[in-house]
Amino acid sequence: MDELKLIFASNLIRLRTEAGMTQAELAARINYSDKSISKWERGEAIPDAYVLKMLSEIFQLSVDDLLSAEPAWKSEEPDLSQPVVYSQLSIILIAVVGIFTVCFLEFIIVWATFDTFHWIALFAAVPASLIALLVMNSVWYKGRHNMYIVGALVLSLILLIYFILLKLRTNFWQFLLIIIPTEVIVWLSFHVKRHKKPKAEQGSNP
């Protein structure tokens, strides 16, 4: 029985890691505490059949594979030296650097062709990269820290508009005052919580 616990622990650690999930995230998926996940991964216990069934559905394999020393998914998938999360981070960095590279290339071409220093093209890479970061963060990291990304995006867009106005010889500095209410709106938007109506009140409704 102890050997079966260790086999399950090894399989669970690898499956969870390759899925890019923390113990807390996996625990939330099956409505258990992260302490239970930690206990299973230390080989101290094996969950009941109902939990094993939920885990098999999450990782899209059979219960037998969860308890097998040589499951089919180990032979089919390559043994990656790093978790998937690092690959996702690399893609995000490549996308951001790529956007800055394109804007920098545009800046150089305009500068060399027209002998004009359009530095705004460089700053435009900031909101563009933040948009890409927002999309990928929402897909891969479930929107964690999106409030800060959106706040930075709103700020960069306002500054970009202000710099364009300066380029047009219009020093409309009062426009920057809009930063305060827009950032407050962003903060409030991410702190809106849905409250469930108490059952007593629900029962009193006709």
Protein backbone atom coordinates (compact mmCIF):
# COMPACT_ATOMS: atom_id res chain seq x y z
CA MET A 1 0.00 0.00 0.00
CA ASP A 2 2.88 2.37 0.79
CA GLU A 3 4.33 1.72 -2.66
CA LEU A 4 0.99 2.63 -4.26
CA LYS A 5 0.95 5.92 -2.30
CA LEU A 6 4.40 6.82 -3.62
CA ILE A 7 3.43 5.93 -7.19
CA PHE A 8 0.33 8.10 -6.99
CA ALA A 9 2.33 10.93 -5.37
CA SER A 10 4.89 10.86 -8.19
CA ASN A 11 2.20 10.84 -10.89
CA LEU A 12 0.23 13.66 -9.25
CA ILE A 13 3.30 15.88 -8.87
CA ARG A 14 4.25 15.44 -12.51
CA LEU A 15 0.74 15.92 -13.87
CA ARG A 16 0.10 19.03 -11.77
CA THR A 17 3.48 20.55 -12.63
CA GLU A 18 3.16 19.93 -16.36
CA ALA A 19 -0.33 21.47 -16.25
CA GLY A 20 1.19 24.62 -14.74
CA MET A 21 -0.98 24.43 -11.61
CA THR A 22 -0.05 25.14 -8.02
CA GLN A 23 -1.27 22.92 -5.20
CA ALA A 24 -3.76 25.64 -4.23
CA GLU A 25 -5.14 25.86 -7.78
CA LEU A 26 -5.59 22.09 -8.05
CA ALA A 27 -7.20 22.02 -4.60
CA ALA A 28 -9.70 24.66 -5.69
CA ARG A 29 -10.61 22.59 -8.77
CA ILE A 30 -11.63 19.59 -6.64
CA ASN A 31 -12.93 21.62 -3.67
CA TYR A 32 -10.26 20.40 -1.26
CA SER A 33 -7.56 22.19 0.74
CA ASP A 34 -4.01 22.59 -0.53
CA LYS A 35 -2.92 20.70 2.61
CA SER A 36 -4.67 17.61 1.23
CA ILE A 37 -2.82 17.97 -2.09
CA SER A 38 0.46 18.34 -0.21
CA LYS A 39 -0.31 15.24 1.85
CA TRP A 40 -1.02 13.19 -1.27
CA GLU A 41 2.13 14.41 -3.00
CA ARG A 42 4.22 13.45 0.03
CA GLY A 43 2.90 9.90 -0.30
CA GLU A 44 1.12 9.95 3.06
CA ALA A 45 -2.32 9.06 1.71
CA ILE A 46 -4.38 8.34 -1.40
CA PRO A 47 -7.69 10.15 -2.06
CA ASP A 48 -10.94 8.25 -2.28
CA ALA A 49 -12.45 6.94 -5.51
CA TYR A 50 -14.56 10.07 -6.06
CA VAL A 51 -11.52 12.36 -5.92
CA LEU A 52 -9.52 10.01 -8.13
CA LYS A 53 -12.30 10.22 -10.70
CA MET A 54 -12.23 14.04 -10.59
CA LEU A 55 -8.45 14.07 -10.98
CA SER A 56 -8.67 11.72 -13.96
CA GLU A 57 -11.14 14.08 -15.63
CA ILE A 58 -8.96 17.14 -14.92
CA PHE A 59 -5.83 15.54 -16.38
CA GLN A 60 -7.79 13.63 -19.06
CA LEU A 61 -6.56 10.15 -18.30
CA SER A 62 -7.86 7.02 -16.56
CA VAL A 63 -7.84 6.28 -12.85
CA ASP A 64 -5.58 3.30 -13.61
CA ASP A 65 -3.01 5.68 -15.09
CA LEU A 66 -3.04 7.73 -11.88
CA LEU A 67 -2.15 4.62 -9.87
CA SER A 68 0.19 2.97 -12.37
CA ALA A 69 3.99 3.02 -12.11
CA GLU A 70 4.25 3.06 -15.91
CA PRO A 71 1.16 4.92 -17.17
CA ALA A 72 0.56 5.36 -20.89
CA TRP A 73 0.95 9.13 -20.74
CA LYS A 74 4.54 8.86 -19.50
CA SER A 75 5.63 6.90 -22.56
CA GLU A 76 3.73 9.14 -24.99
CA GLU A 77 4.89 12.53 -23.69
CA PRO A 78 8.51 13.75 -23.59
CA ASP A 79 10.13 14.14 -20.18
CA LEU A 80 10.50 17.91 -20.02
CA SER A 81 13.28 19.26 -17.84
CA GLN A 82 11.26 22.35 -16.89
CA PRO A 83 7.58 22.92 -16.11
CA VAL A 84 5.27 24.30 -18.76
CA VAL A 85 5.01 27.59 -16.89
CA TYR A 86 8.56 28.50 -17.93
CA SER A 87 7.73 28.00 -21.60
CA GLN A 88 4.72 30.28 -21.24
CA LEU A 89 6.86 32.95 -19.60
CA SER A 90 9.36 32.67 -22.45
CA ILE A 91 6.60 33.18 -25.03
CA ILE A 92 5.39 36.29 -23.18
CA LEU A 93 8.90 37.74 -23.09
CA ILE A 94 9.44 36.97 -26.78
CA ALA A 95 6.15 38.69 -27.69
CA VAL A 96 6.97 41.81 -25.66
CA VAL A 97 10.53 42.07 -26.95
CA GLY A 98 9.26 41.42 -30.49
CA ILE A 99 6.82 44.33 -30.27
CA PHE A 100 9.57 46.65 -29.04
CA THR A 101 11.85 45.41 -31.83
CA VAL A 102 9.24 46.18 -34.53
CA CYS A 103 8.64 49.69 -33.12
CA PHE A 104 12.37 50.30 -32.87
CA LEU A 105 12.83 49.15 -36.47
CA GLU A 106 10.08 51.56 -37.58
CA PHE A 107 11.80 54.34 -35.64
CA ILE A 108 15.14 53.64 -37.36
CA ILE A 109 13.59 53.47 -40.86
CA VAL A 110 11.75 56.78 -40.46
CA TRP A 111 14.82 58.41 -38.94
CA ALA A 112 17.11 57.20 -41.74
CA THR A 113 14.66 57.94 -44.56
CA PHE A 114 13.21 61.30 -43.56
CA ASP A 115 15.88 62.44 -41.11
CA THR A 116 13.11 62.90 -38.55
CA PHE A 117 13.33 61.79 -34.94
CA HIS A 118 9.93 60.18 -34.24
CA TRP A 119 10.52 58.95 -30.69
CA ILE A 120 6.76 58.50 -30.19
CA ALA A 121 7.04 55.31 -32.27
CA LEU A 122 9.22 53.88 -29.52
CA PHE A 123 6.78 54.78 -26.76
CA ALA A 124 3.89 53.24 -28.74
CA ALA A 125 5.51 49.87 -28.04
CA VAL A 126 4.57 50.21 -24.36
CA PRO A 127 0.75 50.02 -24.70
CA ALA A 128 1.07 47.51 -27.54
CA SER A 129 3.18 45.17 -25.43
CA LEU A 130 0.87 45.63 -22.44
CA ILE A 131 -2.11 44.56 -24.57
CA ALA A 132 -0.26 41.40 -25.62
CA LEU A 133 0.74 40.78 -22.01
CA LEU A 134 -2.87 41.25 -20.85
CA VAL A 135 -4.19 38.69 -23.36
CA MET A 136 -1.58 36.03 -22.58
CA ASN A 137 -1.80 36.60 -18.82
CA SER A 138 -5.58 36.13 -19.00
CA VAL A 139 -5.25 32.89 -20.97
CA TRP A 140 -2.35 31.24 -19.15
CA TYR A 141 -2.46 32.70 -15.65
CA LYS A 142 -6.24 33.17 -15.23
CA GLY A 143 -5.98 36.96 -15.11
CA ARG A 144 -3.72 37.07 -12.07
CA HIS A 145 -2.39 40.63 -11.60
CA ASN A 146 -4.51 41.87 -14.52
CA MET A 147 -5.45 44.94 -12.47
CA TYR A 148 -1.86 46.18 -12.55
CA ILE A 149 -1.50 45.43 -16.26
CA VAL A 150 -4.72 47.28 -17.12
CA GLY A 151 -3.69 50.19 -14.90
CA ALA A 152 -0.34 50.44 -16.67
CA LEU A 153 -2.07 50.13 -20.06
CA VAL A 154 -4.48 53.00 -19.31
CA LEU A 155 -1.61 55.16 -18.07
CA SER A 156 0.52 54.45 -21.15
CA LEU A 157 -2.36 55.25 -23.53
CA ILE A 158 -3.01 58.59 -21.82
CA LEU A 159 0.69 59.47 -21.96
CA LEU A 160 0.84 58.42 -25.62
CA ILE A 161 -2.04 60.76 -26.47
CA TYR A 162 -0.38 63.56 -24.51
CA PHE A 163 2.93 63.03 -26.36
CA ILE A 164 1.09 63.15 -29.68
CA LEU A 165 -0.48 66.44 -28.64
CA LEU A 166 2.99 67.76 -27.78
CA LYS A 167 4.20 66.68 -31.19
CA LEU A 168 1.39 68.77 -32.68
CA ARG A 169 2.68 71.71 -30.62
CA THR A 170 -0.28 71.58 -28.25
CA ASN A 171 0.81 71.54 -24.63
CA PHE A 172 -2.53 70.47 -23.20
CA TRP A 173 -1.07 69.35 -19.84
CA GLN A 174 -4.50 69.44 -18.19
CA PHE A 175 -5.26 66.28 -20.17
CA LEU A 176 -2.99 64.39 -17.76
CA LEU A 177 -5.46 65.02 -14.93
CA ILE A 178 -7.67 62.31 -16.41
CA ILE A 179 -5.14 59.77 -15.12
CA ILE A 180 -6.56 60.01 -11.60
CA PRO A 181 -10.23 59.13 -12.31
CA THR A 182 -9.35 56.47 -14.90
CA GLU A 183 -7.00 54.66 -12.52
CA VAL A 184 -9.66 54.83 -9.81
CA ILE A 185 -12.18 53.29 -12.24
CA VAL A 186 -9.71 50.48 -13.03
CA TRP A 187 -9.18 49.79 -9.33
CA LEU A 188 -12.90 49.77 -8.57
CA SER A 189 -13.64 47.54 -11.57
CA PHE A 190 -11.33 44.83 -10.25
CA HIS A 191 -12.80 45.03 -6.76
CA VAL A 192 -16.42 44.48 -7.74
CA LYS A 193 -17.54 41.31 -6.00
CA ARG A 194 -20.65 39.27 -6.54
CA HIS A 195 -22.52 38.64 -3.31
CA LYS A 196 -24.94 35.74 -2.99
CA LYS A 197 -28.32 36.54 -1.57
CA PRO A 198 -28.93 34.86 1.81
CA LYS A 199 -31.18 31.81 1.60
CA ALA A 200 -33.57 33.31 4.15
CA GLU A 201 -34.17 36.29 1.87
CA GLN A 202 -34.52 34.04 -1.16
CA GLY A 203 -37.22 32.03 0.56
CA SER A 204 -39.18 35.14 1.51
CA ASN A 205 -39.58 36.23 -2.09
CA PRO A 206 -43.02 35.38 -3.61
